[in-house]
Amino acid sequence: MPYKEVIKEEARADIAEAMSYYASKSSGLDTRFFNEVAATIKHILRNPFAFKKVYKNFRQTSVRKFPYVIFYEPEGNNVIIYSVFNTWQHPAKKISRVKK
């Protein structure tokens, strides 16, 4: 079954913030980050149930080469991405987005 990504606005803001940070650190690092996030999302879409549950039906997987996880929920034919979360932050912050 093909899954479709639904990226919440907060997750888009996470990506933009991280890209801005990485752009300030090294030329092209922001593009590398974006490409790794995109590759991770494609991997999730191939089999969204392959990754561990971390809260109720919500799952996460790591972004290669960067200290980020993608926090998401499979729902029907959709994969809803709630957060591209920097692992240096307190873990409760990613769950607070879905408790609203």
Protein backbone atom coordinates (compact mmCIF):
# COMPACT_ATOMS: atom_id res chain seq x y z
CA MET A 1 0.00 0.00 0.00
CA PRO A 2 1.51 3.38 -0.95
CA TYR A 3 1.66 5.86 1.89
CA LYS A 4 1.48 9.63 1.55
CA GLU A 5 3.39 12.02 3.77
CA VAL A 6 1.58 14.77 5.65
CA ILE A 7 4.10 17.13 7.20
CA LYS A 8 2.71 19.32 9.97
CA GLU A 9 3.66 23.00 9.98
CA GLU A 10 5.67 22.54 13.19
CA ALA A 11 7.79 19.86 11.51
CA ARG A 12 8.38 22.15 8.52
CA ALA A 13 9.51 24.83 10.98
CA ASP A 14 11.85 22.30 12.63
CA ILE A 15 13.44 21.54 9.26
CA ALA A 16 13.78 25.22 8.35
CA GLU A 17 15.35 26.04 11.72
CA ALA A 18 17.84 23.20 11.44
CA MET A 19 18.72 24.13 7.87
CA SER A 20 19.35 27.71 8.93
CA TYR A 21 21.61 26.51 11.73
CA TYR A 22 23.58 24.15 9.49
CA ALA A 23 23.89 26.80 6.75
CA SER A 24 25.59 29.06 9.30
CA LYS A 25 28.06 26.32 10.22
CA SER A 26 29.29 25.13 6.82
CA SER A 27 28.52 25.68 3.17
CA GLY A 28 26.27 22.94 1.84
CA LEU A 29 25.61 21.36 5.25
CA ASP A 30 22.01 22.57 5.15
CA THR A 31 21.47 20.75 1.85
CA ARG A 32 23.03 17.59 3.25
CA PHE A 33 20.69 17.79 6.24
CA PHE A 34 17.65 18.29 4.01
CA ASN A 35 18.65 15.36 1.79
CA GLU A 36 19.04 13.07 4.81
CA VAL A 37 15.64 14.11 6.17
CA ALA A 38 14.05 13.48 2.75
CA ALA A 39 15.73 10.06 2.51
CA THR A 40 14.51 9.17 6.00
CA ILE A 41 10.95 10.17 5.12
CA LYS A 42 11.09 8.00 1.99
CA HIS A 43 12.32 5.13 4.14
CA ILE A 44 9.42 5.66 6.57
CA LEU A 45 6.91 5.71 3.70
CA ARG A 46 8.12 2.32 2.47
CA ASN A 47 7.21 0.68 5.79
CA PRO A 48 5.95 3.04 8.50
CA PHE A 49 5.40 0.20 10.98
CA ALA A 50 9.05 -0.89 10.94
CA PHE A 51 10.14 1.68 13.51
CA LYS A 52 9.62 1.61 17.24
CA LYS A 53 6.61 3.08 19.01
CA VAL A 54 7.57 5.73 21.51
CA TYR A 55 4.16 6.99 22.62
CA LYS A 56 0.76 5.42 21.91
CA ASN A 57 0.65 4.97 18.08
CA PHE A 58 3.48 7.44 17.50
CA ARG A 59 6.80 6.21 16.18
CA GLN A 60 10.23 7.62 15.48
CA THR A 61 13.38 6.90 13.56
CA SER A 62 16.77 8.57 13.37
CA VAL A 63 18.07 10.82 10.63
CA ARG A 64 21.42 9.48 9.47
CA LYS A 65 24.52 11.58 10.25
CA PHE A 66 22.56 14.21 12.22
CA PRO A 67 21.28 14.29 15.82
CA TYR A 68 17.62 14.31 14.80
CA VAL A 69 14.69 11.91 14.89
CA ILE A 70 11.49 12.06 12.89
CA PHE A 71 8.43 11.68 15.10
CA TYR A 72 5.39 10.46 13.17
CA GLU A 73 2.13 8.52 13.20
CA PRO A 74 0.84 6.14 10.53
CA GLU A 75 -2.86 6.85 9.99
CA GLY A 76 -4.70 5.07 7.19
CA ASN A 77 -2.80 5.71 3.95
CA ASN A 78 -1.03 8.70 5.47
CA VAL A 79 2.10 9.13 7.53
CA ILE A 80 1.70 12.27 9.62
CA ILE A 81 5.04 13.83 10.53
CA TYR A 82 4.75 15.87 13.70
CA SER A 83 8.36 16.73 14.41
CA VAL A 84 11.89 16.65 13.09
CA PHE A 85 13.30 16.68 16.55
CA ASN A 86 16.77 17.63 17.71
CA THR A 87 17.80 14.91 20.16
CA TRP A 88 19.62 17.43 22.33
CA GLN A 89 16.23 18.77 23.44
CA HIS A 90 14.16 17.31 26.25
CA PRO A 91 12.23 14.28 24.87
CA ALA A 92 8.93 15.45 26.36
CA LYS A 93 8.89 18.37 23.94
CA LYS A 94 8.19 16.17 20.89
CA ILE A 95 5.31 14.42 22.67
CA SER A 96 3.80 17.73 23.80
CA ARG A 97 2.88 18.48 20.16
CA VAL A 98 0.55 15.50 19.94
CA LYS A 99 -1.06 15.93 23.36
CA LYS A 100 -2.80 19.16 22.31
